[in-house]
Structure formats: C-alpha cells, structure tokens
Amino acid sequence: MFSEYRMNKYFVLDKQIDFTLSFFIRLIILIAISSISYLYFEKPIRNKIKNSRTIRKISPESIQVQT
C-alpha cells in the first residue's frame, strides 16, 4: 500500500526515526479505505441479497381451490 519510499517522499517520514507516526498514518489510510469499501460495496450488496430473499406473502386470491 504505502512503501517506505512513498512514506519518505510524501510525508517526509523515515521508518527508523518515526516508526509510530508512520504506523498510525498507515492505519488511518487502511481504516479510510475499508470504510469506503463497506459503504459503497458491501452494504449495497448485502441489501440486494436481503431484498431478494424476502418471502412473498400469499394472498387469498392467489390460492386456487381444486375441484
């Protein structure tokens, strides 16, 4: 995701010196990406699956009596 080169280039952080800060930046990025994925992919797919599994209620008119 974020290599040492990118951390040094964009945030001017060296892993040996700023290990904790580099860890928290990566953690925040990971949480942000996972929350976006949840909102835009997982939740809509779960709603579609839930809606497709709903049981249709049988109305009295739809029941045919065999004679």
PDB file of N, CA and C in Angstrom:
ATOM      1  N   MET A   1       0.846  -1.171   0.000  1.00  0.00           N
ATOM      2  CA  MET A   1       0.000   0.000   0.000  1.00  0.00           C
ATOM      3  C   MET A   1       0.895   1.240   0.000  1.00  0.00           C
ATOM      4  N   PHE A   2       1.522   1.557   1.086  1.00  0.00           N
ATOM      5  CA  PHE A   2       2.455   2.668   1.158  1.00  0.00           C
ATOM      6  C   PHE A   2       3.825   2.114   1.485  1.00  0.00           C
ATOM      7  N   SER A   3       4.704   2.183   0.513  1.00  0.00           N
ATOM      8  CA  SER A   3       6.052   1.676   0.740  1.00  0.00           C
ATOM      9  C   SER A   3       6.862   2.713   1.517  1.00  0.00           C
ATOM     10  N   GLU A   4       8.042   2.301   1.904  1.00  0.00           N
ATOM     11  CA  GLU A   4       8.918   3.214   2.641  1.00  0.00           C
ATOM     12  C   GLU A   4       9.294   4.408   1.772  1.00  0.00           C
ATOM     13  N   TYR A   5       9.451   4.147   0.479  1.00  0.00           N
ATOM     14  CA  TYR A   5       9.796   5.238  -0.439  1.00  0.00           C
ATOM     15  C   TYR A   5       8.686   6.283  -0.473  1.00  0.00           C
ATOM     16  N   ARG A   6       7.432   5.847  -0.572  1.00  0.00           N
ATOM     17  CA  ARG A   6       6.310   6.786  -0.615  1.00  0.00           C
ATOM     18  C   ARG A   6       6.135   7.514   0.708  1.00  0.00           C
ATOM     19  N   MET A   7       6.328   6.820   1.818  1.00  0.00           N
ATOM     20  CA  MET A   7       6.220   7.486   3.125  1.00  0.00           C
ATOM     21  C   MET A   7       7.275   8.586   3.242  1.00  0.00           C
ATOM     22  N   ASN A   8       8.466   8.313   2.750  1.00  0.00           N
ATOM     23  CA  ASN A   8       9.530   9.311   2.815  1.00  0.00           C
ATOM     24  C   ASN A   8       9.286  10.429   1.814  1.00  0.00           C
ATOM     25  N   LYS A   9       8.776  10.102   0.638  1.00  0.00           N
ATOM     26  CA  LYS A   9       8.561  11.104  -0.400  1.00  0.00           C
ATOM     27  C   LYS A   9       7.405  12.051  -0.064  1.00  0.00           C
ATOM     28  N   TYR A  10       6.243  11.492   0.318  1.00  0.00           N
ATOM     29  CA  TYR A  10       5.048  12.316   0.516  1.00  0.00           C
ATOM     30  C   TYR A  10       4.933  12.898   1.925  1.00  0.00           C
ATOM     31  N   PHE A  11       5.333  12.153   2.934  1.00  0.00           N
ATOM     32  CA  PHE A  11       5.162  12.605   4.309  1.00  0.00           C
ATOM     33  C   PHE A  11       6.478  12.978   4.982  1.00  0.00           C
ATOM     34  N   VAL A  12       7.573  12.809   4.298  1.00  0.00           N
ATOM     35  CA  VAL A  12       8.917  13.077   4.803  1.00  0.00           C
ATOM     36  C   VAL A  12       9.113  12.375   6.152  1.00  0.00           C
ATOM     37  N   LEU A  13       8.822  11.097   6.176  1.00  0.00           N
ATOM     38  CA  LEU A  13       8.964  10.291   7.381  1.00  0.00           C
ATOM     39  C   LEU A  13       9.948   9.158   7.121  1.00  0.00           C
ATOM     40  N   ASP A  14      10.869   8.984   8.021  1.00  0.00           N
ATOM     41  CA  ASP A  14      11.785   7.861   7.950  1.00  0.00           C
ATOM     42  C   ASP A  14      11.295   6.802   8.923  1.00  0.00           C
ATOM     43  N   LYS A  15      11.247   5.561   8.473  1.00  0.00           N
ATOM     44  CA  LYS A  15      10.673   4.499   9.303  1.00  0.00           C
ATOM     45  C   LYS A  15      11.466   4.289  10.587  1.00  0.00           C
ATOM     46  N   GLN A  16      12.762   4.365  10.514  1.00  0.00           N
ATOM     47  CA  GLN A  16      13.578   4.131  11.699  1.00  0.00           C
ATOM     48  C   GLN A  16      13.387   5.234  12.733  1.00  0.00           C
ATOM     49  N   ILE A  17      13.162   6.442  12.292  1.00  0.00           N
ATOM     50  CA  ILE A  17      13.025   7.563  13.232  1.00  0.00           C
ATOM     51  C   ILE A  17      11.577   7.715  13.705  1.00  0.00           C
ATOM     52  N   ASP A  18      10.642   7.708  12.774  1.00  0.00           N
ATOM     53  CA  ASP A  18       9.234   7.960  13.087  1.00  0.00           C
ATOM     54  C   ASP A  18       8.390   6.709  12.880  1.00  0.00           C
ATOM     55  N   PHE A  19       8.745   5.642  13.554  1.00  0.00           N
ATOM     56  CA  PHE A  19       8.034   4.377  13.366  1.00  0.00           C
ATOM     57  C   PHE A  19       6.577   4.477  13.805  1.00  0.00           C
ATOM     58  N   THR A  20       6.321   5.092  14.939  1.00  0.00           N
ATOM     59  CA  THR A  20       4.952   5.179  15.464  1.00  0.00           C
ATOM     60  C   THR A  20       4.075   6.037  14.566  1.00  0.00           C
ATOM     61  N   LEU A  21       4.587   7.168  14.145  1.00  0.00           N
ATOM     62  CA  LEU A  21       3.806   8.051  13.280  1.00  0.00           C
ATOM     63  C   LEU A  21       3.535   7.393  11.936  1.00  0.00           C
ATOM     64  N   SER A  22       4.506   6.717  11.403  1.00  0.00           N
ATOM     65  CA  SER A  22       4.309   6.021  10.132  1.00  0.00           C
ATOM     66  C   SER A  22       3.284   4.901  10.279  1.00  0.00           C
ATOM     67  N   PHE A  23       3.281   4.210  11.411  1.00  0.00           N
ATOM     68  CA  PHE A  23       2.290   3.164  11.669  1.00  0.00           C
ATOM     69  C   PHE A  23       0.880   3.749  11.723  1.00  0.00           C
ATOM     70  N   PHE A  24       0.693   4.859  12.425  1.00  0.00           N
ATOM     71  CA  PHE A  24      -0.639   5.441  12.554  1.00  0.00           C
ATOM     72  C   PHE A  24      -1.136   6.032  11.246  1.00  0.00           C
ATOM     73  N   ILE A  25      -0.250   6.563  10.425  1.00  0.00           N
ATOM     74  CA  ILE A  25      -0.666   7.063   9.114  1.00  0.00           C
ATOM     75  C   ILE A  25      -1.171   5.906   8.261  1.00  0.00           C
ATOM     76  N   ARG A  26      -0.451   4.796   8.273  1.00  0.00           N
ATOM     77  CA  ARG A  26      -0.897   3.620   7.515  1.00  0.00           C
ATOM     78  C   ARG A  26      -2.196   3.062   8.068  1.00  0.00           C
ATOM     79  N   LEU A  27      -2.354   3.086   9.383  1.00  0.00           N
ATOM     80  CA  LEU A  27      -3.588   2.591   9.999  1.00  0.00           C
ATOM     81  C   LEU A  27      -4.780   3.461   9.614  1.00  0.00           C
ATOM     82  N   ILE A  28      -4.610   4.773   9.613  1.00  0.00           N
ATOM     83  CA  ILE A  28      -5.692   5.686   9.236  1.00  0.00           C
ATOM     84  C   ILE A  28      -6.069   5.488   7.773  1.00  0.00           C
ATOM     85  N   ILE A  29      -5.074   5.313   6.911  1.00  0.00           N
ATOM     86  CA  ILE A  29      -5.357   5.070   5.495  1.00  0.00           C
ATOM     87  C   ILE A  29      -6.110   3.755   5.319  1.00  0.00           C
ATOM     88  N   LEU A  30      -5.718   2.735   6.033  1.00  0.00           N
ATOM     89  CA  LEU A  30      -6.393   1.436   5.957  1.00  0.00           C
ATOM     90  C   LEU A  30      -7.840   1.527   6.431  1.00  0.00           C
ATOM     91  N   ILE A  31      -8.086   2.225   7.519  1.00  0.00           N
ATOM     92  CA  ILE A  31      -9.446   2.384   8.030  1.00  0.00           C
ATOM     93  C   ILE A  31     -10.302   3.180   7.056  1.00  0.00           C
ATOM     94  N   ALA A  32      -9.731   4.216   6.458  1.00  0.00           N
ATOM     95  CA  ALA A  32     -10.480   5.024   5.493  1.00  0.00           C
ATOM     96  C   ALA A  32     -10.863   4.209   4.265  1.00  0.00           C
ATOM     97  N   ILE A  33      -9.931   3.442   3.748  1.00  0.00           N
ATOM     98  CA  ILE A  33     -10.228   2.627   2.559  1.00  0.00           C
ATOM     99  C   ILE A  33     -11.259   1.547   2.891  1.00  0.00           C
ATOM    100  N   SER A  34     -11.140   0.934   4.055  1.00  0.00           N
ATOM    101  CA  SER A  34     -12.098  -0.120   4.408  1.00  0.00           C
ATOM    102  C   SER A  34     -13.495   0.449   4.659  1.00  0.00           C
ATOM    103  N   SER A  35     -13.593   1.648   5.220  1.00  0.00           N
ATOM    104  CA  SER A  35     -14.921   2.236   5.437  1.00  0.00           C
ATOM    105  C   SER A  35     -15.569   2.633   4.118  1.00  0.00           C
ATOM    106  N   ILE A  36     -14.782   3.134   3.186  1.00  0.00           N
ATOM    107  CA  ILE A  36     -15.325   3.464   1.864  1.00  0.00           C
ATOM    108  C   ILE A  36     -15.786   2.190   1.162  1.00  0.00           C
ATOM    109  N   SER A  37     -15.002   1.136   1.275  1.00  0.00           N
ATOM    110  CA  SER A  37     -15.380  -0.140   0.682  1.00  0.00           C
ATOM    111  C   SER A  37     -16.663  -0.669   1.298  1.00  0.00           C
ATOM    112  N   TYR A  38     -16.810  -0.537   2.599  1.00  0.00           N
ATOM    113  CA  TYR A  38     -18.026  -1.001   3.267  1.00  0.00           C
ATOM    114  C   TYR A  38     -19.236  -0.211   2.787  1.00  0.00           C
ATOM    115  N   LEU A  39     -19.116   1.108   2.713  1.00  0.00           N
ATOM    116  CA  LEU A  39     -20.263   1.936   2.352  1.00  0.00           C
ATOM    117  C   LEU A  39     -20.691   1.756   0.899  1.00  0.00           C
ATOM    118  N   TYR A  40     -19.742   1.629  -0.003  1.00  0.00           N
ATOM    119  CA  TYR A  40     -20.077   1.632  -1.422  1.00  0.00           C
ATOM    120  C   TYR A  40     -20.142   0.252  -2.058  1.00  0.00           C
ATOM    121  N   PHE A  41     -19.626  -0.792  -1.397  1.00  0.00           N
ATOM    122  CA  PHE A  41     -19.662  -2.119  -1.995  1.00  0.00           C
ATOM    123  C   PHE A  41     -20.411  -3.125  -1.126  1.00  0.00           C
ATOM    124  N   GLU A  42     -19.987  -3.284   0.109  1.00  0.00           N
ATOM    125  CA  GLU A  42     -20.546  -4.347   0.948  1.00  0.00           C
ATOM    126  C   GLU A  42     -21.986  -4.085   1.352  1.00  0.00           C
ATOM    127  N   LYS A  43     -22.292  -2.877   1.783  1.00  0.00           N
ATOM    128  CA  LYS A  43     -23.642  -2.569   2.253  1.00  0.00           C
ATOM    129  C   LYS A  43     -24.690  -2.661   1.140  1.00  0.00           C
ATOM    130  N   PRO A  44     -24.455  -2.088  -0.055  1.00  0.00           N
ATOM    131  CA  PRO A  44     -25.458  -2.248  -1.122  1.00  0.00           C
ATOM    132  C   PRO A  44     -25.646  -3.699  -1.563  1.00  0.00           C
ATOM    133  N   ILE A  45     -24.563  -4.464  -1.608  1.00  0.00           N
ATOM    134  CA  ILE A  45     -24.687  -5.864  -1.997  1.00  0.00           C
ATOM    135  C   ILE A  45     -25.467  -6.637  -0.943  1.00  0.00           C
ATOM    136  N   ARG A  46     -25.222  -6.347   0.332  1.00  0.00           N
ATOM    137  CA  ARG A  46     -25.967  -7.011   1.403  1.00  0.00           C
ATOM    138  C   ARG A  46     -27.451  -6.674   1.321  1.00  0.00           C
ATOM    139  N   ASN A  47     -27.775  -5.423   1.014  1.00  0.00           N
ATOM    140  CA  ASN A  47     -29.188  -5.035   0.889  1.00  0.00           C
ATOM    141  C   ASN A  47     -29.854  -5.732  -0.291  1.00  0.00           C
ATOM    142  N   LYS A  48     -29.138  -5.879  -1.408  1.00  0.00           N
ATOM    143  CA  LYS A  48     -29.705  -6.577  -2.560  1.00  0.00           C
ATOM    144  C   LYS A  48     -29.964  -8.045  -2.228  1.00  0.00           C
ATOM    145  N   ILE A  49     -29.041  -8.669  -1.527  1.00  0.00           N
ATOM    146  CA  ILE A  49     -29.224 -10.072  -1.157  1.00  0.00           C
ATOM    147  C   ILE A  49     -30.389 -10.217  -0.195  1.00  0.00           C
ATOM    148  N   LYS A  50     -30.471  -9.295   0.767  1.00  0.00           N
ATOM    149  CA  LYS A  50     -31.552  -9.359   1.748  1.00  0.00           C
ATOM    150  C   LYS A  50     -32.911  -9.138   1.074  1.00  0.00           C
ATOM    151  N   ASN A  51     -32.980  -8.219   0.137  1.00  0.00           N
ATOM    152  CA  ASN A  51     -34.241  -7.948  -0.547  1.00  0.00           C
ATOM    153  C   ASN A  51     -34.640  -9.094  -1.469  1.00  0.00           C
ATOM    154  N   SER A  52     -33.681  -9.787  -2.031  1.00  0.00           N
ATOM    155  CA  SER A  52     -34.034 -10.890  -2.930  1.00  0.00           C
ATOM    156  C   SER A  52     -34.487 -12.126  -2.158  1.00  0.00           C
ATOM    157  N   ARG A  53     -34.150 -12.215  -0.903  1.00  0.00           N
ATOM    158  CA  ARG A  53     -34.536 -13.377  -0.094  1.00  0.00           C
ATOM    159  C   ARG A  53     -35.831 -13.180   0.678  1.00  0.00           C
ATOM    160  N   THR A  54     -36.465 -12.042   0.548  1.00  0.00           N
ATOM    161  CA  THR A  54     -37.704 -11.820   1.290  1.00  0.00           C
ATOM    162  C   THR A  54     -38.779 -12.760   0.768  1.00  0.00           C
ATOM    163  N   ILE A  55     -39.547 -13.262   1.670  1.00  0.00           N
ATOM    164  CA  ILE A  55     -40.605 -14.207   1.325  1.00  0.00           C
ATOM    165  C   ILE A  55     -41.852 -13.418   0.948  1.00  0.00           C
ATOM    166  N   ARG A  56     -42.370 -13.761  -0.230  1.00  0.00           N
ATOM    167  CA  ARG A  56     -43.591 -13.092  -0.659  1.00  0.00           C
ATOM    168  C   ARG A  56     -44.778 -13.655   0.101  1.00  0.00           C
ATOM    169  N   LYS A  57     -45.622 -12.761   0.554  1.00  0.00           N
ATOM    170  CA  LYS A  57     -46.815 -13.199   1.260  1.00  0.00           C
ATOM    171  C   LYS A  57     -47.841 -13.705   0.254  1.00  0.00           C
ATOM    172  N   ILE A  58     -48.509 -14.757   0.617  1.00  0.00           N
ATOM    173  CA  ILE A  58     -49.510 -15.357  -0.268  1.00  0.00           C
ATOM    174  C   ILE A  58     -50.858 -14.718   0.051  1.00  0.00           C
ATOM    175  N   SER A  59     -51.429 -14.126  -0.970  1.00  0.00           N
ATOM    176  CA  SER A  59     -52.748 -13.529  -0.783  1.00  0.00           C
ATOM    177  C   SER A  59     -53.819 -14.589  -0.991  1.00  0.00           C
ATOM    178  N   PRO A  60     -54.984 -14.429  -0.372  1.00  0.00           N
ATOM    179  CA  PRO A  60     -56.064 -15.421  -0.526  1.00  0.00           C
ATOM    180  C   PRO A  60     -56.523 -15.571  -1.975  1.00  0.00           C
ATOM    181  N   GLU A  61     -56.414 -14.522  -2.801  1.00  0.00           N
ATOM    182  CA  GLU A  61     -56.831 -14.598  -4.181  1.00  0.00           C
ATOM    183  C   GLU A  61     -55.904 -15.495  -5.009  1.00  0.00           C
ATOM    184  N   SER A  62     -54.668 -15.617  -4.597  1.00  0.00           N
ATOM    185  CA  SER A  62     -53.703 -16.394  -5.375  1.00  0.00           C
ATOM    186  C   SER A  62     -53.836 -17.903  -5.122  1.00  0.00           C
ATOM    187  N   ILE A  63     -54.539 -18.280  -4.054  1.00  0.00           N
ATOM    188  CA  ILE A  63     -54.734 -19.687  -3.746  1.00  0.00           C
ATOM    189  C   ILE A  63     -55.896 -20.209  -4.575  1.00  0.00           C
ATOM    190  N   GLN A  64     -55.659 -21.263  -5.347  1.00  0.00           N
ATOM    191  CA  GLN A  64     -56.700 -21.831  -6.179  1.00  0.00           C
ATOM    192  C   GLN A  64     -57.233 -23.093  -5.520  1.00  0.00           C
ATOM    193  N   VAL A  65     -58.514 -23.216  -5.508  1.00  0.00           N
ATOM    194  CA  VAL A  65     -59.143 -24.404  -4.909  1.00  0.00           C
ATOM    195  C   VAL A  65     -59.353 -25.418  -6.025  1.00  0.00           C
ATOM    196  N   GLN A  66     -58.874 -26.633  -5.802  1.00  0.00           N
ATOM    197  CA  GLN A  66     -59.043 -27.677  -6.792  1.00  0.00           C
ATOM    198  C   GLN A  66     -60.389 -28.365  -6.563  1.00  0.00           C
ATOM    199  N   THR A  67     -61.135 -28.484  -7.635  1.00  0.00           N
ATOM    200  CA  THR A  67     -62.429 -29.171  -7.518  1.00  0.00           C
ATOM    201  C   THR A  67     -62.485 -30.412  -8.335  1.00  0.00           C
TER     202      THR A  67
END
